[in-house]
Amino acid sequence: MKNLCFGTYAKILKICMGSSSQKILIGTMLKSVYENYDITSDDSAVSNLLSCRDNLSPNVTEFISNIEINAIVSYFKKNVITQLHPNKSKLIILAVIDIMLNDSSDNDTIVEIVNRISKEKLSKQTEFVFLDFVVGVFLYTLNISNKDGASCVGEITEAYVDGFLDRQESIKLIDSYGKNVNANGRTNIQNGNNNMMFTGDITGGTFNFNLSEKKD
């Protein structure tokens, strides 16, 4: 049994980094939620998150209720994706989905928040917008107890991730899901309103949310 939480997710990204460091990668990701929360020089905090010894700081979780999804997507495109190895995008997707399929969440749990894709649908998907996937799963993990991954995070190694090398041809990376809907017919919330906001929480393993327009 594996558990998809911030630590197990971030461990995969760490393994698939380019020339960055784990402190910079993890710290940069969390600054997307609250800019003033900076652990880019805190070895202990980053290590405890990656090993699932600690839950995410309230300095992060207290700010997730009013996240602007498009702002997070733009931030990740500029500051996070550039820290990942350009040839390991498919490995990240395949490894994350493997963990997702082996955790205890319900099949209808929304695990990719950007495009509201459920665990069941994501497991059948063959085309992915990498940026959306990375951000969408990141947002999901913010609502999961990080300590849930303590029993399995040790299994997430470079060898584990490399185990998906021969499956890379099974999926395709695309630039976008289309103007109105993505490849599987789901509404893409990024299209049509750049002020869309995320509000909600996860209860009982299923992501319950609503979408509202940002108020000026």
N, C-alpha and C. Protein backbone atom coordinates (compact mmCIF):
# COMPACT_ATOMS: atom_id res chain seq x y z
N MET A 1 0.84 -1.20 0.00
CA MET A 1 0.00 0.00 0.00
C MET A 1 0.87 1.25 0.00
N LYS A 2 0.59 2.16 -0.90
CA LYS A 2 1.29 3.43 -0.94
C LYS A 2 0.28 4.55 -0.67
N ASN A 3 0.78 5.73 -0.32
CA ASN A 3 -0.08 6.87 -0.04
C ASN A 3 0.42 8.09 -0.79
N LEU A 4 -0.47 8.70 -1.55
CA LEU A 4 -0.12 9.91 -2.27
C LEU A 4 -0.32 11.10 -1.35
N CYS A 5 0.77 11.68 -0.92
CA CYS A 5 0.75 12.86 -0.07
C CYS A 5 1.84 13.81 -0.58
N PHE A 6 2.03 14.93 0.09
CA PHE A 6 3.04 15.86 -0.40
C PHE A 6 4.43 15.24 -0.41
N GLY A 7 4.76 14.51 0.64
CA GLY A 7 6.10 13.93 0.74
C GLY A 7 6.40 12.92 -0.34
N THR A 8 5.46 12.00 -0.60
CA THR A 8 5.71 11.00 -1.64
C THR A 8 5.72 11.63 -3.03
N TYR A 9 4.86 12.61 -3.23
CA TYR A 9 4.83 13.34 -4.50
C TYR A 9 6.13 14.12 -4.70
N ALA A 10 6.53 14.87 -3.67
CA ALA A 10 7.73 15.70 -3.78
C ALA A 10 8.99 14.84 -3.91
N LYS A 11 8.97 13.65 -3.32
CA LYS A 11 10.13 12.75 -3.45
C LYS A 11 10.35 12.37 -4.90
N ILE A 12 9.27 12.14 -5.64
CA ILE A 12 9.39 11.83 -7.06
C ILE A 12 9.98 13.02 -7.82
N LEU A 13 9.49 14.21 -7.53
CA LEU A 13 10.02 15.40 -8.20
C LEU A 13 11.48 15.60 -7.85
N LYS A 14 11.85 15.34 -6.60
CA LYS A 14 13.25 15.47 -6.19
C LYS A 14 14.14 14.52 -7.00
N ILE A 15 13.69 13.29 -7.16
CA ILE A 15 14.46 12.30 -7.92
C ILE A 15 14.62 12.73 -9.37
N CYS A 16 13.63 13.45 -9.87
CA CYS A 16 13.62 13.88 -11.27
C CYS A 16 14.05 15.33 -11.47
N MET A 17 14.79 15.88 -10.51
CA MET A 17 15.29 17.24 -10.64
C MET A 17 16.35 17.33 -11.73
N GLY A 18 16.58 18.57 -12.16
CA GLY A 18 17.70 18.84 -13.03
C GLY A 18 18.91 19.16 -12.18
N SER A 19 19.37 20.39 -12.24
CA SER A 19 20.56 20.80 -11.48
C SER A 19 20.22 21.52 -10.19
N SER A 20 18.98 21.50 -9.79
CA SER A 20 18.55 22.18 -8.58
C SER A 20 18.92 21.37 -7.34
N SER A 21 18.51 21.85 -6.17
CA SER A 21 18.69 21.12 -4.92
C SER A 21 17.32 20.86 -4.32
N GLN A 22 17.24 19.89 -3.41
CA GLN A 22 15.93 19.57 -2.84
C GLN A 22 15.39 20.73 -2.01
N LYS A 23 16.25 21.48 -1.37
CA LYS A 23 15.79 22.63 -0.58
C LYS A 23 15.15 23.69 -1.48
N ILE A 24 15.79 23.98 -2.58
CA ILE A 24 15.27 25.00 -3.47
C ILE A 24 13.98 24.53 -4.13
N LEU A 25 13.96 23.26 -4.57
CA LEU A 25 12.76 22.73 -5.23
C LEU A 25 11.56 22.73 -4.30
N ILE A 26 11.69 22.13 -3.13
CA ILE A 26 10.56 22.01 -2.21
C ILE A 26 10.15 23.37 -1.67
N GLY A 27 11.14 24.17 -1.30
CA GLY A 27 10.83 25.50 -0.78
C GLY A 27 10.13 26.37 -1.80
N THR A 28 10.57 26.29 -3.05
CA THR A 28 9.94 27.07 -4.11
C THR A 28 8.50 26.64 -4.33
N MET A 29 8.24 25.35 -4.31
CA MET A 29 6.88 24.86 -4.48
C MET A 29 5.94 25.43 -3.43
N LEU A 30 6.36 25.39 -2.18
CA LEU A 30 5.49 25.83 -1.10
C LEU A 30 5.32 27.35 -1.06
N LYS A 31 6.29 28.07 -1.57
CA LYS A 31 6.15 29.54 -1.64
C LYS A 31 5.05 29.95 -2.62
N SER A 32 4.65 29.03 -3.48
CA SER A 32 3.55 29.36 -4.40
C SER A 32 2.24 29.55 -3.65
N VAL A 33 2.13 28.95 -2.48
CA VAL A 33 0.91 29.07 -1.66
C VAL A 33 1.00 30.30 -0.76
N TYR A 34 2.15 30.45 -0.11
CA TYR A 34 2.36 31.61 0.77
C TYR A 34 3.79 32.08 0.60
N GLU A 35 3.95 33.19 -0.07
CA GLU A 35 5.28 33.67 -0.47
C GLU A 35 6.22 33.87 0.70
N ASN A 36 5.69 34.25 1.86
CA ASN A 36 6.54 34.55 3.00
C ASN A 36 6.99 33.31 3.77
N TYR A 37 6.46 32.15 3.39
CA TYR A 37 6.91 30.90 4.02
C TYR A 37 8.07 30.36 3.20
N ASP A 38 9.30 30.52 3.69
CA ASP A 38 10.49 30.19 2.92
C ASP A 38 11.35 29.17 3.67
N ILE A 39 11.40 27.94 3.15
CA ILE A 39 12.25 26.92 3.74
C ILE A 39 13.35 26.51 2.75
N THR A 40 13.66 27.40 1.82
CA THR A 40 14.67 27.07 0.80
C THR A 40 16.08 26.94 1.38
N SER A 41 16.26 27.34 2.64
CA SER A 41 17.56 27.17 3.29
C SER A 41 17.45 26.34 4.56
N ASP A 42 16.32 25.67 4.73
CA ASP A 42 16.07 24.90 5.96
C ASP A 42 16.15 23.40 5.65
N ASP A 43 17.34 22.83 5.83
CA ASP A 43 17.54 21.40 5.54
C ASP A 43 16.61 20.52 6.35
N SER A 44 16.45 20.84 7.62
CA SER A 44 15.65 19.99 8.51
C SER A 44 14.19 19.96 8.10
N ALA A 45 13.61 21.12 7.83
CA ALA A 45 12.20 21.19 7.46
C ALA A 45 11.93 20.43 6.16
N VAL A 46 12.81 20.62 5.18
CA VAL A 46 12.64 19.95 3.89
C VAL A 46 12.79 18.45 4.05
N SER A 47 13.80 18.02 4.79
CA SER A 47 14.03 16.59 5.01
C SER A 47 12.84 15.93 5.71
N ASN A 48 12.27 16.62 6.70
CA ASN A 48 11.14 16.05 7.44
C ASN A 48 9.89 15.94 6.57
N LEU A 49 9.72 16.85 5.62
CA LEU A 49 8.59 16.75 4.70
C LEU A 49 8.81 15.61 3.71
N LEU A 50 10.02 15.50 3.18
CA LEU A 50 10.30 14.45 2.20
C LEU A 50 10.26 13.05 2.81
N SER A 51 10.54 12.95 4.09
CA SER A 51 10.48 11.66 4.77
C SER A 51 9.12 11.41 5.42
N CYS A 52 8.22 12.38 5.28
CA CYS A 52 6.86 12.28 5.83
C CYS A 52 6.85 12.20 7.35
N ARG A 53 7.87 12.74 7.98
CA ARG A 53 7.88 12.80 9.44
C ARG A 53 7.00 13.93 9.96
N ASP A 54 6.90 14.99 9.19
CA ASP A 54 6.10 16.15 9.59
C ASP A 54 4.97 16.39 8.60
N ASN A 55 3.89 16.96 9.10
CA ASN A 55 2.85 17.46 8.21
C ASN A 55 3.24 18.83 7.70
N LEU A 56 2.55 19.30 6.69
CA LEU A 56 2.81 20.63 6.17
C LEU A 56 2.54 21.68 7.24
N SER A 57 3.33 22.72 7.23
CA SER A 57 3.18 23.80 8.20
C SER A 57 1.84 24.51 8.06
N PRO A 58 1.26 24.95 9.16
CA PRO A 58 0.05 25.79 9.09
C PRO A 58 0.28 27.04 8.25
N ASN A 59 1.54 27.45 8.13
CA ASN A 59 1.86 28.61 7.29
C ASN A 59 1.51 28.35 5.83
N VAL A 60 1.38 27.07 5.47
CA VAL A 60 0.94 26.69 4.13
C VAL A 60 -0.54 26.37 4.13
N THR A 61 -0.95 25.48 5.02
CA THR A 61 -2.33 24.97 4.98
C THR A 61 -3.38 26.04 5.27
N GLU A 62 -3.01 27.06 6.03
CA GLU A 62 -3.98 28.12 6.33
C GLU A 62 -4.29 29.00 5.13
N PHE A 63 -3.46 28.89 4.09
CA PHE A 63 -3.64 29.77 2.94
C PHE A 63 -4.24 29.07 1.72
N ILE A 64 -4.52 27.75 1.83
CA ILE A 64 -4.95 27.03 0.64
C ILE A 64 -6.41 27.26 0.28
N SER A 65 -7.21 27.78 1.19
CA SER A 65 -8.63 27.90 0.92
C SER A 65 -8.97 28.94 -0.15
N ASN A 66 -8.05 29.85 -0.40
CA ASN A 66 -8.32 30.89 -1.40
C ASN A 66 -7.26 30.95 -2.49
N ILE A 67 -6.73 29.78 -2.81
CA ILE A 67 -5.72 29.72 -3.86
C ILE A 67 -6.33 30.10 -5.21
N GLU A 68 -5.61 30.91 -5.96
CA GLU A 68 -5.98 31.20 -7.34
C GLU A 68 -5.24 30.21 -8.23
N ILE A 69 -5.96 29.29 -8.82
CA ILE A 69 -5.33 28.20 -9.55
C ILE A 69 -4.44 28.71 -10.68
N ASN A 70 -4.93 29.66 -11.45
CA ASN A 70 -4.13 30.15 -12.57
C ASN A 70 -2.84 30.81 -12.11
N ALA A 71 -2.87 31.44 -10.96
CA ALA A 71 -1.66 32.05 -10.42
C ALA A 71 -0.64 30.98 -10.05
N ILE A 72 -1.12 29.87 -9.48
CA ILE A 72 -0.23 28.77 -9.14
C ILE A 72 0.35 28.14 -10.39
N VAL A 73 -0.48 27.97 -11.42
CA VAL A 73 0.00 27.40 -12.68
C VAL A 73 1.10 28.28 -13.27
N SER A 74 0.88 29.58 -13.30
CA SER A 74 1.88 30.50 -13.84
C SER A 74 3.16 30.47 -13.03
N TYR A 75 3.00 30.41 -11.71
CA TYR A 75 4.17 30.37 -10.82
C TYR A 75 4.98 29.10 -11.06
N PHE A 76 4.32 27.96 -11.16
CA PHE A 76 5.02 26.69 -11.37
C PHE A 76 5.73 26.68 -12.72
N LYS A 77 5.07 27.24 -13.74
CA LYS A 77 5.69 27.27 -15.06
C LYS A 77 7.01 28.03 -15.03
N LYS A 78 7.04 29.11 -14.29
CA LYS A 78 8.23 29.95 -14.24
C LYS A 78 9.28 29.45 -13.25
N ASN A 79 8.84 28.91 -12.11
CA ASN A 79 9.77 28.67 -11.00
C ASN A 79 10.01 27.22 -10.63
N VAL A 80 9.09 26.32 -10.98
CA VAL A 80 9.22 24.93 -10.55
C VAL A 80 9.56 23.99 -11.71
N ILE A 81 8.80 24.06 -12.79
CA ILE A 81 9.03 23.18 -13.93
C ILE A 81 10.46 23.30 -14.43
N THR A 82 11.01 24.49 -14.36
CA THR A 82 12.38 24.73 -14.83
C THR A 82 13.42 24.02 -13.97
N GLN A 83 13.04 23.57 -12.78
CA GLN A 83 13.98 22.86 -11.91
C GLN A 83 13.95 21.35 -12.15
N LEU A 84 13.02 20.89 -12.96
CA LEU A 84 12.88 19.45 -13.22
C LEU A 84 13.63 19.07 -14.49
N HIS A 85 14.12 17.84 -14.53
CA HIS A 85 14.84 17.36 -15.71
C HIS A 85 13.87 17.29 -16.89
N PRO A 86 14.20 17.91 -18.01
CA PRO A 86 13.26 17.97 -19.14
C PRO A 86 12.94 16.62 -19.76
N ASN A 87 13.77 15.63 -19.51
CA ASN A 87 13.53 14.30 -20.10
C ASN A 87 12.85 13.33 -19.14
N LYS A 88 12.42 13.84 -18.00
CA LYS A 88 11.82 12.93 -17.01
C LYS A 88 10.37 13.26 -16.70
N SER A 89 9.73 14.03 -17.55
CA SER A 89 8.33 14.41 -17.31
C SER A 89 7.41 13.19 -17.29
N LYS A 90 7.60 12.29 -18.23
CA LYS A 90 6.75 11.10 -18.28
C LYS A 90 6.98 10.20 -17.08
N LEU A 91 8.22 10.11 -16.62
CA LEU A 91 8.51 9.29 -15.45
C LEU A 91 7.79 9.84 -14.23
N ILE A 92 7.75 11.16 -14.10
CA ILE A 92 7.03 11.78 -12.98
C ILE A 92 5.55 11.40 -13.03
N ILE A 93 4.95 11.53 -14.19
CA ILE A 93 3.52 11.21 -14.34
C ILE A 93 3.24 9.75 -14.01
N LEU A 94 4.04 8.86 -14.58
CA LEU A 94 3.80 7.43 -14.38
C LEU A 94 4.02 7.02 -12.94
N ALA A 95 5.03 7.56 -12.29
CA ALA A 95 5.30 7.20 -10.90
C ALA A 95 4.21 7.73 -9.97
N VAL A 96 3.78 8.97 -10.19
CA VAL A 96 2.71 9.54 -9.36
C VAL A 96 1.43 8.74 -9.52
N ILE A 97 1.09 8.39 -10.73
CA ILE A 97 -0.13 7.61 -10.97
C ILE A 97 -0.04 6.24 -10.32
N ASP A 98 1.14 5.63 -10.35
CA ASP A 98 1.31 4.33 -9.69
C ASP A 98 1.04 4.44 -8.20
N ILE A 99 1.57 5.47 -7.56
CA ILE A 99 1.31 5.67 -6.14
C ILE A 99 -0.18 5.90 -5.91
N MET A 100 -0.77 6.74 -6.75
CA MET A 100 -2.19 7.04 -6.65
C MET A 100 -3.04 5.78 -6.72
N LEU A 101 -2.71 4.89 -7.65
CA LEU A 101 -3.50 3.67 -7.82
C LEU A 101 -3.33 2.70 -6.68
N ASN A 102 -2.27 2.86 -5.92
CA ASN A 102 -2.01 1.94 -4.82
C ASN A 102 -2.29 2.53 -3.45
N ASP A 103 -2.94 3.70 -3.42
CA ASP A 103 -3.34 4.22 -2.12
C ASP A 103 -4.81 3.91 -1.86
N SER A 104 -5.30 4.32 -0.71
CA SER A 104 -6.64 3.90 -0.27
C SER A 104 -7.75 4.87 -0.66
N SER A 105 -7.43 5.91 -1.42
CA SER A 105 -8.46 6.87 -1.80
C SER A 105 -9.49 6.25 -2.72
N ASP A 106 -10.71 6.79 -2.69
CA ASP A 106 -11.78 6.29 -3.54
C ASP A 106 -11.51 6.63 -5.00
N ASN A 107 -12.10 5.84 -5.90
CA ASN A 107 -11.88 6.05 -7.33
C ASN A 107 -12.40 7.40 -7.81
N ASP A 108 -13.41 7.95 -7.13
CA ASP A 108 -13.96 9.23 -7.57
C ASP A 108 -13.27 10.43 -6.91
N THR A 109 -12.21 10.17 -6.15
CA THR A 109 -11.45 11.25 -5.55
C THR A 109 -10.82 12.12 -6.64
N ILE A 110 -10.96 13.42 -6.53
CA ILE A 110 -10.35 14.34 -7.49
C ILE A 110 -8.89 14.51 -7.08
N VAL A 111 -7.98 14.00 -7.90
CA VAL A 111 -6.56 14.04 -7.56
C VAL A 111 -5.76 15.02 -8.43
N GLU A 112 -6.37 15.49 -9.50
CA GLU A 112 -5.74 16.53 -10.32
C GLU A 112 -6.69 17.71 -10.30
N ILE A 113 -6.35 18.70 -9.49
CA ILE A 113 -7.28 19.77 -9.18
C ILE A 113 -7.46 20.77 -10.32
N VAL A 114 -6.43 21.02 -11.08
CA VAL A 114 -6.50 22.04 -12.14
C VAL A 114 -7.62 21.74 -13.12
N ASN A 115 -7.74 20.49 -13.54
CA ASN A 115 -8.77 20.09 -14.50
C ASN A 115 -9.84 19.19 -13.90
N ARG A 116 -9.84 19.08 -12.57
CA ARG A 116 -10.85 18.30 -11.83
C ARG A 116 -10.94 16.86 -12.33
N ILE A 117 -9.82 16.18 -12.37
CA ILE A 117 -9.76 14.81 -12.89
C ILE A 117 -9.74 13.83 -11.73
N SER A 118 -10.60 12.85 -11.77
CA SER A 118 -10.69 11.86 -10.70
C SER A 118 -9.59 10.81 -10.82
N LYS A 119 -9.40 10.10 -9.76
CA LYS A 119 -8.42 9.01 -9.73
C LYS A 119 -8.72 7.99 -10.82
N GLU A 120 -9.97 7.60 -10.96
CA GLU A 120 -10.33 6.60 -11.96
C GLU A 120 -10.05 7.10 -13.37
N LYS A 121 -10.44 8.33 -13.67
CA LYS A 121 -10.24 8.86 -15.02
C LYS A 121 -8.77 9.11 -15.32
N LEU A 122 -8.04 9.55 -14.31
CA LEU A 122 -6.62 9.81 -14.52
C LEU A 122 -5.87 8.51 -14.81
N SER A 123 -6.31 7.44 -14.20
CA SER A 123 -5.64 6.14 -14.41
C SER A 123 -5.81 5.64 -15.84
N LYS A 124 -6.85 6.13 -16.54
CA LYS A 124 -7.12 5.69 -17.90
C LYS A 124 -6.63 6.69 -18.95
N GLN A 125 -6.17 7.83 -18.48
CA GLN A 125 -5.77 8.90 -19.39
C GLN A 125 -4.43 8.56 -20.05
N THR A 126 -4.26 8.91 -21.31
CA THR A 126 -3.02 8.64 -22.03
C THR A 126 -2.34 9.91 -22.54
N GLU A 127 -3.03 11.04 -22.49
CA GLU A 127 -2.45 12.31 -22.91
C GLU A 127 -2.49 13.28 -21.73
N PHE A 128 -1.37 13.97 -21.51
CA PHE A 128 -1.24 14.82 -20.33
C PHE A 128 -0.60 16.16 -20.67
N VAL A 129 -1.15 17.21 -20.08
CA VAL A 129 -0.47 18.50 -20.05
C VAL A 129 0.38 18.47 -18.79
N PHE A 130 1.69 18.38 -18.94
CA PHE A 130 2.57 18.14 -17.81
C PHE A 130 2.44 19.22 -16.74
N LEU A 131 2.41 20.47 -17.12
CA LEU A 131 2.29 21.56 -16.16
C LEU A 131 1.01 21.42 -15.34
N ASP A 132 -0.10 21.18 -15.99
CA ASP A 132 -1.38 21.01 -15.29
C ASP A 132 -1.31 19.84 -14.31
N PHE A 133 -0.70 18.75 -14.76
CA PHE A 133 -0.60 17.56 -13.92
C PHE A 133 0.20 17.85 -12.65
N VAL A 134 1.36 18.47 -12.82
CA VAL A 134 2.23 18.75 -11.68
C VAL A 134 1.53 19.67 -10.69
N VAL A 135 0.89 20.71 -11.18
CA VAL A 135 0.20 21.65 -10.30
C VAL A 135 -1.04 21.00 -9.69
N GLY A 136 -1.81 20.30 -10.51
CA GLY A 136 -3.05 19.69 -10.02
C GLY A 136 -2.84 18.71 -8.90
N VAL A 137 -1.82 17.87 -9.02
CA VAL A 137 -1.52 16.90 -7.96
C VAL A 137 -0.93 17.59 -6.75
N PHE A 138 -0.10 18.60 -6.98
CA PHE A 138 0.44 19.39 -5.86
C PHE A 138 -0.68 19.95 -5.00
N LEU A 139 -1.69 20.56 -5.63
CA LEU A 139 -2.81 21.13 -4.89
C LEU A 139 -3.57 20.05 -4.11
N TYR A 140 -3.71 18.89 -4.70
CA TYR A 140 -4.37 17.78 -4.00
C TYR A 140 -3.60 17.40 -2.74
N THR A 141 -2.28 17.29 -2.84
CA THR A 141 -1.50 16.82 -1.70
C THR A 141 -1.49 17.79 -0.54
N LEU A 142 -1.79 19.05 -0.79
CA LEU A 142 -1.82 20.04 0.29
C LEU A 142 -2.91 19.72 1.30
N ASN A 143 -3.90 18.94 0.89
CA ASN A 143 -5.03 18.62 1.76
C ASN A 143 -4.94 17.24 2.39
N ILE A 144 -3.80 16.57 2.20
CA ILE A 144 -3.62 15.22 2.72
C ILE A 144 -2.61 15.24 3.86
N SER A 145 -2.84 14.45 4.89
CA SER A 145 -1.88 14.34 5.99
C SER A 145 -0.56 13.81 5.44
N ASN A 146 0.50 14.59 5.57
CA ASN A 146 1.79 14.16 5.03
C ASN A 146 2.34 12.94 5.74
N LYS A 147 1.99 12.79 7.01
CA LYS A 147 2.48 11.64 7.77
C LYS A 147 1.92 10.32 7.25
N ASP A 148 0.86 10.39 6.44
CA ASP A 148 0.28 9.17 5.88
C ASP A 148 1.26 8.44 4.97
N GLY A 149 2.25 9.16 4.48
CA GLY A 149 3.20 8.54 3.56
C GLY A 149 4.42 7.94 4.24
N ALA A 150 4.50 8.04 5.57
CA ALA A 150 5.71 7.60 6.28
C ALA A 150 6.02 6.12 6.06
N SER A 151 4.99 5.31 5.93
CA SER A 151 5.21 3.85 5.81
C SER A 151 5.69 3.42 4.44
N CYS A 152 5.56 4.30 3.44
CA CYS A 152 5.90 3.89 2.08
C CYS A 152 6.92 4.78 1.38
N VAL A 153 7.22 5.94 1.95
CA VAL A 153 8.10 6.88 1.24
C VAL A 153 9.48 6.30 0.99
N GLY A 154 9.91 5.37 1.84
CA GLY A 154 11.21 4.73 1.65
C GLY A 154 11.28 3.89 0.38
N GLU A 155 10.11 3.48 -0.13
CA GLU A 155 10.07 2.69 -1.36
C GLU A 155 10.26 3.54 -2.61
N ILE A 156 10.14 4.85 -2.45
CA ILE A 156 10.23 5.74 -3.60
C ILE A 156 11.69 6.13 -3.79
N THR A 157 12.36 5.41 -4.64
CA THR A 157 13.77 5.58 -4.90
C THR A 157 14.00 5.86 -6.38
N GLU A 158 15.23 6.15 -6.73
CA GLU A 158 15.56 6.36 -8.15
C GLU A 158 15.27 5.10 -8.95
N ALA A 159 15.54 3.93 -8.35
CA ALA A 159 15.27 2.67 -9.03
C ALA A 159 13.78 2.48 -9.26
N TYR A 160 12.98 2.90 -8.29
CA TYR A 160 11.53 2.80 -8.44
C TYR A 160 11.06 3.66 -9.61
N VAL A 161 11.52 4.89 -9.67
CA VAL A 161 11.12 5.79 -10.75
C VAL A 161 11.63 5.28 -12.09
N ASP A 162 12.87 4.82 -12.14
CA ASP A 162 13.43 4.30 -13.39
C ASP A 162 12.71 3.04 -13.87
N GLY A 163 11.97 2.41 -12.96
CA GLY A 163 11.21 1.23 -13.33
C GLY A 163 10.11 1.52 -14.34
N PHE A 164 9.83 2.79 -14.57
CA PHE A 164 8.79 3.18 -15.53
C PHE A 164 9.37 3.57 -16.89
N LEU A 165 10.67 3.43 -17.05
CA LEU A 165 11.31 3.82 -18.31
C LEU A 165 10.70 3.12 -19.52
N ASP A 166 10.40 1.83 -19.36
CA ASP A 166 9.87 1.07 -20.51
C ASP A 166 8.39 1.31 -20.76
N ARG A 167 7.77 2.17 -19.94
CA ARG A 167 6.35 2.47 -20.12
C ARG A 167 6.11 3.88 -20.63
N GLN A 168 7.18 4.60 -20.92
CA GLN A 168 7.03 5.99 -21.32
C GLN A 168 6.25 6.18 -22.63
N GLU A 169 6.35 5.20 -23.50
CA GLU A 169 5.64 5.31 -24.78
C GLU A 169 4.13 5.11 -24.63
N SER A 170 3.70 4.72 -23.44
CA SER A 170 2.26 4.48 -23.23
C SER A 170 1.49 5.78 -23.01
N ILE A 171 2.21 6.89 -22.77
CA ILE A 171 1.55 8.16 -22.58
C ILE A 171 2.17 9.21 -23.49
N LYS A 172 1.43 10.30 -23.71
CA LYS A 172 1.87 11.37 -24.60
C LYS A 172 1.73 12.70 -23.90
N LEU A 173 2.72 13.57 -24.07
CA LEU A 173 2.66 14.92 -23.52
C LEU A 173 2.10 15.85 -24.58
N ILE A 174 1.13 16.67 -24.19
CA ILE A 174 0.52 17.62 -25.11
C ILE A 174 0.58 19.02 -24.50
N ASP A 175 0.40 20.03 -25.33
CA ASP A 175 0.51 21.41 -24.87
C ASP A 175 -0.74 21.91 -24.16
N SER A 176 -1.90 21.43 -24.58
CA SER A 176 -3.15 21.86 -23.96
C SER A 176 -4.23 20.84 -24.24
N TYR A 177 -5.31 20.91 -23.46
CA TYR A 177 -6.43 20.01 -23.63
C TYR A 177 -7.49 20.59 -24.56
N GLY A 178 -7.26 21.76 -25.10
CA GLY A 178 -8.25 22.38 -25.98
C GLY A 178 -8.86 23.59 -25.34
N LYS A 179 -9.61 24.32 -26.13
CA LYS A 179 -10.16 25.59 -25.66
C LYS A 179 -11.24 25.43 -24.62
N ASN A 180 -12.11 24.43 -24.79
CA ASN A 180 -13.26 24.31 -23.88
C ASN A 180 -13.20 23.08 -22.99
N VAL A 181 -12.72 21.98 -23.53
CA VAL A 181 -12.67 20.75 -22.75
C VAL A 181 -11.34 20.08 -22.99
N ASN A 182 -10.96 19.22 -22.04
CA ASN A 182 -9.70 18.52 -22.24
C ASN A 182 -9.92 17.24 -23.03
N ALA A 183 -8.87 16.43 -23.13
CA ALA A 183 -8.90 15.28 -24.03
C ALA A 183 -10.00 14.27 -23.70
N ASN A 184 -10.44 14.23 -22.46
CA ASN A 184 -11.44 13.25 -22.07
C ASN A 184 -12.80 13.87 -21.81
N GLY A 185 -13.00 15.08 -22.29
CA GLY A 185 -14.33 15.69 -22.20
C GLY A 185 -14.63 16.42 -20.93
N ARG A 186 -13.66 16.57 -20.04
CA ARG A 186 -13.91 17.27 -18.79
C ARG A 186 -13.71 18.76 -18.99
N THR A 187 -14.49 19.55 -18.32
CA THR A 187 -14.35 21.00 -18.42
C THR A 187 -13.00 21.42 -17.87
N ASN A 188 -12.31 22.26 -18.61
CA ASN A 188 -11.03 22.79 -18.17
C ASN A 188 -11.26 24.14 -17.52
N ILE A 189 -11.09 24.22 -16.22
CA ILE A 189 -11.43 25.44 -15.50
C ILE A 189 -10.49 26.59 -15.82
N GLN A 190 -9.35 26.31 -16.46
CA GLN A 190 -8.43 27.40 -16.79
C GLN A 190 -8.93 28.22 -17.96
N ASN A 191 -9.79 27.65 -18.77
CA ASN A 191 -10.21 28.33 -19.97
C ASN A 191 -11.45 29.18 -19.72
N GLY A 192 -11.42 30.40 -20.23
CA GLY A 192 -12.60 31.23 -20.18
C GLY A 192 -12.63 32.22 -19.04
N ASN A 193 -11.89 31.96 -17.95
CA ASN A 193 -11.93 32.91 -16.85
C ASN A 193 -10.62 32.84 -16.08
N ASN A 194 -9.76 33.80 -16.27
CA ASN A 194 -8.46 33.81 -15.62
C ASN A 194 -8.51 34.21 -14.16
N ASN A 195 -9.70 34.57 -13.68
CA ASN A 195 -9.83 34.94 -12.27
C ASN A 195 -10.44 33.83 -11.43
N MET A 196 -10.53 32.63 -11.99
CA MET A 196 -11.14 31.55 -11.25
C MET A 196 -10.32 31.20 -10.02
N MET A 197 -11.01 30.91 -8.93
CA MET A 197 -10.34 30.59 -7.68
C MET A 197 -10.74 29.20 -7.21
N PHE A 198 -9.88 28.63 -6.38
CA PHE A 198 -10.14 27.34 -5.76
C PHE A 198 -10.58 27.56 -4.33
N THR A 199 -11.68 26.97 -3.95
CA THR A 199 -12.06 26.96 -2.54
C THR A 199 -12.58 25.58 -2.21
N GLY A 200 -12.22 25.07 -1.06
CA GLY A 200 -12.75 23.76 -0.71
C GLY A 200 -11.81 22.98 0.19
N ASP A 201 -12.15 21.74 0.44
CA ASP A 201 -11.30 20.89 1.25
C ASP A 201 -11.53 19.44 0.87
N ILE A 202 -10.74 18.56 1.44
CA ILE A 202 -10.89 17.13 1.19
C ILE A 202 -11.51 16.50 2.43
N THR A 203 -12.57 15.77 2.24
CA THR A 203 -13.20 15.07 3.36
C THR A 203 -13.46 13.64 2.94
N GLY A 204 -13.13 12.72 3.82
CA GLY A 204 -13.37 11.31 3.54
C GLY A 204 -12.60 10.80 2.34
N GLY A 205 -11.47 11.45 2.05
CA GLY A 205 -10.65 11.00 0.94
C GLY A 205 -11.08 11.54 -0.41
N THR A 206 -12.22 12.19 -0.47
CA THR A 206 -12.72 12.73 -1.73
C THR A 206 -12.65 14.25 -1.70
N PHE A 207 -12.16 14.83 -2.79
CA PHE A 207 -12.01 16.28 -2.84
C PHE A 207 -13.35 16.93 -3.16
N ASN A 208 -13.86 17.66 -2.21
CA ASN A 208 -15.12 18.39 -2.39
C ASN A 208 -14.78 19.86 -2.58
N PHE A 209 -15.21 20.45 -3.65
CA PHE A 209 -14.83 21.82 -3.90
C PHE A 209 -15.91 22.55 -4.68
N ASN A 210 -15.78 23.84 -4.67
CA ASN A 210 -16.60 24.65 -5.56
C ASN A 210 -15.70 25.69 -6.18
N LEU A 211 -16.14 26.28 -7.26
CA LEU A 211 -15.34 27.28 -7.94
C LEU A 211 -16.07 28.59 -7.91
N SER A 212 -15.34 29.64 -7.62
CA SER A 212 -15.95 30.96 -7.60
C SER A 212 -15.02 31.95 -8.25
N GLU A 213 -15.58 33.00 -8.79
CA GLU A 213 -14.75 34.01 -9.41
C GLU A 213 -14.11 34.89 -8.35
N LYS A 214 -12.88 35.29 -8.66
CA LYS A 214 -12.18 36.17 -7.74
C LYS A 214 -12.88 37.52 -7.64
N LYS A 215 -13.04 37.99 -6.43
CA LYS A 215 -13.65 39.30 -6.21
C LYS A 215 -12.57 40.36 -6.13
N ASP A 216 -12.71 41.42 -6.86
CA ASP A 216 -11.73 42.50 -6.82
C ASP A 216 -11.85 43.33 -5.55
